[in-house]
C-alpha atoms as a PDB file:
ATOM      1  CA  MET A   1     -94.593-131.100  25.817  1.00  0.00           C
ATOM      2  CA  ILE A   2     -91.387-132.132  24.101  1.00  0.00           C
ATOM      3  CA  ARG A   3     -90.387-135.773  24.327  1.00  0.00           C
ATOM      4  CA  THR A   4     -87.338-137.603  23.107  1.00  0.00           C
ATOM      5  CA  PRO A   5     -88.110-139.594  19.944  1.00  0.00           C
ATOM      6  CA  SER A   6     -86.761-142.875  21.319  1.00  0.00           C
ATOM      7  CA  SER A   7     -87.817-142.417  24.924  1.00  0.00           C
ATOM      8  CA  ALA A   8     -89.741-145.448  26.104  1.00  0.00           C
ATOM      9  CA  SER A   9     -90.321-143.802  29.469  1.00  0.00           C
ATOM     10  CA  GLY A  10     -91.580-140.519  27.980  1.00  0.00           C
ATOM     11  CA  ALA A  11     -89.145-138.360  29.977  1.00  0.00           C
ATOM     12  CA  ASP A  12     -89.297-134.656  29.181  1.00  0.00           C
ATOM     13  CA  LEU A  13     -86.524-133.494  26.886  1.00  0.00           C
ATOM     14  CA  ALA A  14     -86.372-130.233  28.826  1.00  0.00           C
ATOM     15  CA  ASP A  15     -85.291-132.211  31.917  1.00  0.00           C
ATOM     16  CA  GLN A  16     -82.385-133.841  30.095  1.00  0.00           C
ATOM     17  CA  SER A  17     -79.001-132.308  29.344  1.00  0.00           C
ATOM     18  CA  PRO A  18     -76.935-133.539  26.417  1.00  0.00           C
ATOM     19  CA  PRO A  19     -73.863-135.473  27.479  1.00  0.00           C
ATOM     20  CA  ARG A  20     -70.897-133.093  27.398  1.00  0.00           C
ATOM     21  CA  GLU A  21     -69.009-135.272  24.936  1.00  0.00           C
ATOM     22  CA  ALA A  22     -72.042-136.720  23.105  1.00  0.00           C
ATOM     23  CA  HIS A  23     -70.895-135.284  19.793  1.00  0.00           C
ATOM     24  CA  ARG A  24     -67.851-133.245  18.994  1.00  0.00           C
ATOM     25  CA  SER A  25     -65.930-132.634  15.790  1.00  0.00           C
ATOM     26  CA  ALA A  26     -64.024-129.746  14.295  1.00  0.00           C
ATOM     27  CA  THR A  27     -67.225-128.232  12.893  1.00  0.00           C
ATOM     28  CA  SER A  28     -70.028-129.194  15.293  1.00  0.00           C
ATOM     29  CA  GLY A  29     -70.770-130.270  18.828  1.00  0.00           C
ATOM     30  CA  CYS A  30     -73.083-130.131  21.836  1.00  0.00           C
ATOM     31  CA  PHE A  31     -72.756-127.524  24.555  1.00  0.00           C
ATOM     32  CA  ASP A  32     -74.629-126.319  27.612  1.00  0.00           C
ATOM     33  CA  HIS A  33     -76.699-123.193  26.970  1.00  0.00           C
ATOM     34  CA  ASP A  34     -78.352-121.301  29.796  1.00  0.00           C
ATOM     35  CA  ALA A  35     -78.626-117.840  28.270  1.00  0.00           C
ATOM     36  CA  ASP A  36     -82.296-117.899  27.233  1.00  0.00           C
ATOM     37  CA  PHE A  37     -85.483-117.303  29.231  1.00  0.00           C
ATOM     38  CA  GLY A  38     -88.762-119.136  29.449  1.00  0.00           C
ATOM     39  CA  VAL A  39     -91.882-116.982  29.394  1.00  0.00           C
ATOM     40  CA  PHE A  40     -95.459-117.879  30.137  1.00  0.00           C
ATOM     41  CA  GLY A  41     -98.871-116.308  30.251  1.00  0.00           C
ATOM     42  CA  ARG A  42    -102.026-117.537  31.891  1.00  0.00           C
ATOM     43  CA  GLY A  43    -105.569-116.437  31.257  1.00  0.00           C
ATOM     44  CA  ALA A  44    -109.214-117.421  31.193  1.00  0.00           C
ATOM     45  CA  THR A  45    -108.952-117.814  27.396  1.00  0.00           C
ATOM     46  CA  VAL A  46    -106.157-118.773  25.015  1.00  0.00           C
ATOM     47  CA  GLU A  47    -106.121-115.173  23.773  1.00  0.00           C
ATOM     48  CA  GLU A  48    -105.708-113.779  27.301  1.00  0.00           C
ATOM     49  CA  ALA A  49    -102.914-116.279  27.986  1.00  0.00           C
ATOM     50  CA  PHE A  50    -101.159-115.074  24.785  1.00  0.00           C
ATOM     51  CA  GLU A  51    -101.584-111.430  25.837  1.00  0.00           C
ATOM     52  CA  ASN A  52     -99.974-112.242  29.179  1.00  0.00           C
ATOM     53  CA  ALA A  53     -97.149-114.168  27.496  1.00  0.00           C
ATOM     54  CA  ALA A  54     -96.495-111.020  25.441  1.00  0.00           C
ATOM     55  CA  ARG A  55     -96.409-108.969  28.665  1.00  0.00           C
ATOM     56  CA  ALA A  56     -93.868-111.387  30.116  1.00  0.00           C
ATOM     57  CA  THR A  57     -91.757-111.258  26.946  1.00  0.00           C
ATOM     58  CA  PHE A  58     -91.655-107.468  26.766  1.00  0.00           C
ATOM     59  CA  ALA A  59     -91.101-107.170  30.534  1.00  0.00           C
ATOM     60  CA  LEU A  60     -87.689-108.723  29.906  1.00  0.00           C
ATOM     61  CA  MET A  61     -86.836-105.594  27.886  1.00  0.00           C
ATOM     62  CA  TRP A  62     -88.971-102.724  29.241  1.00  0.00           C
ATOM     63  CA  HIS A  63     -90.389-101.464  32.533  1.00  0.00           C
ATOM     64  CA  ALA A  64     -94.054-101.781  31.576  1.00  0.00           C
ATOM     65  CA  GLU A  65     -95.225 -99.428  34.325  1.00  0.00           C
ATOM     66  CA  ARG A  66     -93.140 -96.628  32.743  1.00  0.00           C
ATOM     67  CA  VAL A  67     -94.304 -97.194  29.149  1.00  0.00           C
ATOM     68  CA  SER A  68     -97.097 -94.911  27.982  1.00  0.00           C
ATOM     69  CA  ARG A  69     -99.726 -96.196  25.580  1.00  0.00           C
ATOM     70  CA  GLU A  70     -99.276 -93.406  23.008  1.00  0.00           C
ATOM     71  CA  GLN A  71     -98.807 -95.501  19.845  1.00  0.00           C
ATOM     72  CA  ALA A  72    -100.550 -98.657  18.657  1.00  0.00           C
ATOM     73  CA  ILE A  73     -99.462-101.333  16.233  1.00  0.00           C
ATOM     74  CA  ASP A  74    -101.625-104.011  14.652  1.00  0.00           C
ATOM     75  CA  VAL A  75    -100.609-107.541  13.768  1.00  0.00           C
ATOM     76  CA  GLU A  76    -102.609-110.127  11.855  1.00  0.00           C
ATOM     77  CA  PHE A  77    -101.784-113.695  11.001  1.00  0.00           C
ATOM     78  CA  GLU A  78    -103.350-117.038  10.213  1.00  0.00           C
ATOM     79  CA  GLU A  79    -102.355-120.141  12.127  1.00  0.00           C
ATOM     80  CA  GLU A  80    -104.337-123.285  12.726  1.00  0.00           C
ATOM     81  CA  ASP A  81    -101.990-124.770  15.329  1.00  0.00           C
ATOM     82  CA  VAL A  82    -102.526-122.950  18.626  1.00  0.00           C
ATOM     83  CA  GLU A  83     -98.968-123.597  19.851  1.00  0.00           C
ATOM     84  CA  LEU A  84     -97.421-122.239  16.666  1.00  0.00           C
ATOM     85  CA  ALA A  85     -99.806-119.288  16.962  1.00  0.00           C
ATOM     86  CA  LEU A  86     -98.120-118.328  20.256  1.00  0.00           C
ATOM     87  CA  VAL A  87     -94.686-118.201  18.619  1.00  0.00           C
ATOM     88  CA  THR A  88     -96.101-116.373  15.578  1.00  0.00           C
ATOM     89  CA  TRP A  89     -97.818-113.799  17.834  1.00  0.00           C
ATOM     90  CA  LEU A  90     -94.722-113.108  19.915  1.00  0.00           C
ATOM     91  CA  ASN A  91     -92.423-112.926  16.888  1.00  0.00           C
ATOM     92  CA  ALA A  92     -94.795-110.596  15.031  1.00  0.00           C
ATOM     93  CA  LEU A  93     -94.825-108.271  18.043  1.00  0.00           C
ATOM     94  CA  LEU A  94     -91.049-108.435  18.441  1.00  0.00           C
ATOM     95  CA  GLY A  95     -90.567-107.712  14.740  1.00  0.00           C
ATOM     96  CA  GLU A  96     -92.909-104.722  14.681  1.00  0.00           C
ATOM     97  CA  SER A  97     -91.400-103.413  17.907  1.00  0.00           C
ATOM     98  CA  ALA A  98     -87.884-103.606  16.453  1.00  0.00           C
ATOM     99  CA  VAL A  99     -88.791-102.043  13.090  1.00  0.00           C
ATOM    100  CA  ARG A 100     -90.730 -99.186  14.689  1.00  0.00           C
ATOM    101  CA  ARG A 101     -88.371 -98.883  17.678  1.00  0.00           C
ATOM    102  CA  LEU A 102     -91.259 -99.102  20.136  1.00  0.00           C
ATOM    103  CA  ALA A 103     -91.318-100.265  23.729  1.00  0.00           C
ATOM    104  CA  LEU A 104     -94.575-102.217  23.999  1.00  0.00           C
ATOM    105  CA  ALA A 105     -96.432-102.868  27.234  1.00  0.00           C
ATOM    106  CA  GLU A 106    -100.130-103.506  26.581  1.00  0.00           C
ATOM    107  CA  PHE A 107    -101.594-106.209  24.347  1.00  0.00           C
ATOM    108  CA  SER A 108    -104.946-107.323  22.966  1.00  0.00           C
ATOM    109  CA  LEU A 109    -105.679-110.359  20.800  1.00  0.00           C
ATOM    110  CA  VAL A 110    -108.824-111.790  19.210  1.00  0.00           C
ATOM    111  CA  ARG A 111    -109.239-115.053  17.367  1.00  0.00           C
ATOM    112  CA  ASP A 112    -111.717-116.045  14.692  1.00  0.00           C
ATOM    113  CA  GLY A 113    -111.049-119.653  13.737  1.00  0.00           C
ATOM    114  CA  ASN A 114    -107.441-119.729  12.548  1.00  0.00           C
ATOM    115  CA  ARG A 115    -107.277-115.964  11.979  1.00  0.00           C
ATOM    116  CA  TRP A 116    -105.673-113.918  14.764  1.00  0.00           C
ATOM    117  CA  ARG A 117    -105.800-110.106  15.064  1.00  0.00           C
ATOM    118  CA  GLY A 118    -103.834-108.299  17.717  1.00  0.00           C
ATOM    119  CA  ARG A 119    -102.955-104.815  18.830  1.00  0.00           C
ATOM    120  CA  ALA A 120    -100.153-103.598  21.060  1.00  0.00           C
ATOM    121  CA  TRP A 121     -99.557-100.195  22.619  1.00  0.00           C
ATOM    122  CA  GLY A 122     -96.356 -98.500  23.615  1.00  0.00           C
ATOM    123  CA  GLU A 123     -94.042 -95.591  22.972  1.00  0.00           C
ATOM    124  CA  PRO A 124     -90.722 -94.901  21.253  1.00  0.00           C
ATOM    125  CA  CYS A 125     -87.787 -96.594  22.966  1.00  0.00           C
ATOM    126  CA  ARG A 126     -85.943 -94.558  25.590  1.00  0.00           C
ATOM    127  CA  ASP A 127     -83.036 -95.512  27.825  1.00  0.00           C
ATOM    128  CA  ASP A 128     -85.034 -94.964  31.020  1.00  0.00           C
ATOM    129  CA  LEU A 129     -87.581 -97.588  29.900  1.00  0.00           C
ATOM    130  CA  GLN A 130     -85.026-100.390  29.532  1.00  0.00           C
ATOM    131  CA  ALA A 131     -85.323-103.228  32.019  1.00  0.00           C
ATOM    132  CA  GLY A 132     -82.882-105.747  30.589  1.00  0.00           C
ATOM    133  CA  SER A 133     -81.545-107.355  27.473  1.00  0.00           C
ATOM    134  CA  GLY A 134     -83.338-107.478  24.159  1.00  0.00           C
ATOM    135  CA  VAL A 135     -85.379-110.472  23.103  1.00  0.00           C
ATOM    136  CA  LYS A 136     -84.462-111.698  19.618  1.00  0.00           C
ATOM    137  CA  GLY A 137     -87.370-114.051  19.123  1.00  0.00           C
ATOM    138  CA  ALA A 138     -89.702-116.712  20.450  1.00  0.00           C
ATOM    139  CA  THR A 139     -88.620-120.304  19.861  1.00  0.00           C
ATOM    140  CA  LEU A 140     -90.256-123.721  19.681  1.00  0.00           C
ATOM    141  CA  THR A 141     -88.317-124.812  22.776  1.00  0.00           C
ATOM    142  CA  ALA A 142     -90.628-125.831  25.632  1.00  0.00           C
ATOM    143  CA  LEU A 143     -93.575-124.599  23.529  1.00  0.00           C
ATOM    144  CA  SER A 144     -96.876-125.446  25.172  1.00  0.00           C
ATOM    145  CA  VAL A 145    -100.425-124.133  25.193  1.00  0.00           C
ATOM    146  CA  ARG A 146    -102.642-126.164  27.465  1.00  0.00           C
ATOM    147  CA  PRO A 147    -105.753-125.952  29.583  1.00  0.00           C
ATOM    148  CA  VAL A 148    -105.177-125.508  33.315  1.00  0.00           C
ATOM    149  CA  ALA A 149    -107.466-124.848  36.252  1.00  0.00           C
ATOM    150  CA  GLY A 150    -109.181-121.545  35.541  1.00  0.00           C
ATOM    151  CA  GLY A 151    -108.148-121.239  31.901  1.00  0.00           C
ATOM    152  CA  TYR A 152    -105.006-121.715  29.825  1.00  0.00           C
ATOM    153  CA  ASP A 153    -101.240-121.646  30.178  1.00  0.00           C
ATOM    154  CA  ALA A 154     -99.127-120.567  27.177  1.00  0.00           C
ATOM    155  CA  ARG A 155     -95.330-120.790  27.330  1.00  0.00           C
ATOM    156  CA  CYS A 156     -92.118-120.998  25.330  1.00  0.00           C
ATOM    157  CA  VAL A 157     -88.453-120.072  25.500  1.00  0.00           C
ATOM    158  CA  VAL A 158     -87.355-116.743  24.049  1.00  0.00           C
ATOM    159  CA  ASP A 159     -83.902-116.122  22.624  1.00  0.00           C
ATOM    160  CA  VAL A 160     -82.077-113.188  24.222  1.00  0.00           C
END
């Protein structure tokens, strides 16, 4: 959960909008921005929640039900912080997908301590697979991985 540094009440930063004229100069300023999407995944384990967050992320770009599982990619990373691991996982998948020009739709992830190993399946990008706009990357905005009834919830905002 993101909180304002000086908030005595602990109000969520995500629920607050910057004042329209809070800061403005010739070279910088605040502005409303509603162009990004929040994604989440839920699962019995953290790994399953991350797999489902990846499904949600790639569903913004591809019709998963149309994507065949003909090619696999592997990603590996080390991350101690479970929240940062979500962003690392999603960004690794997005990077590999972009470099290899693959539409991904199925995901698997295992964790051994702070070492994460994942695999994703998909096929080369085709116009008929496209569902929407491309996702540029996962961000730290609204980043949360937390236990919920029945497992875990993993979420963040992705930049489109």
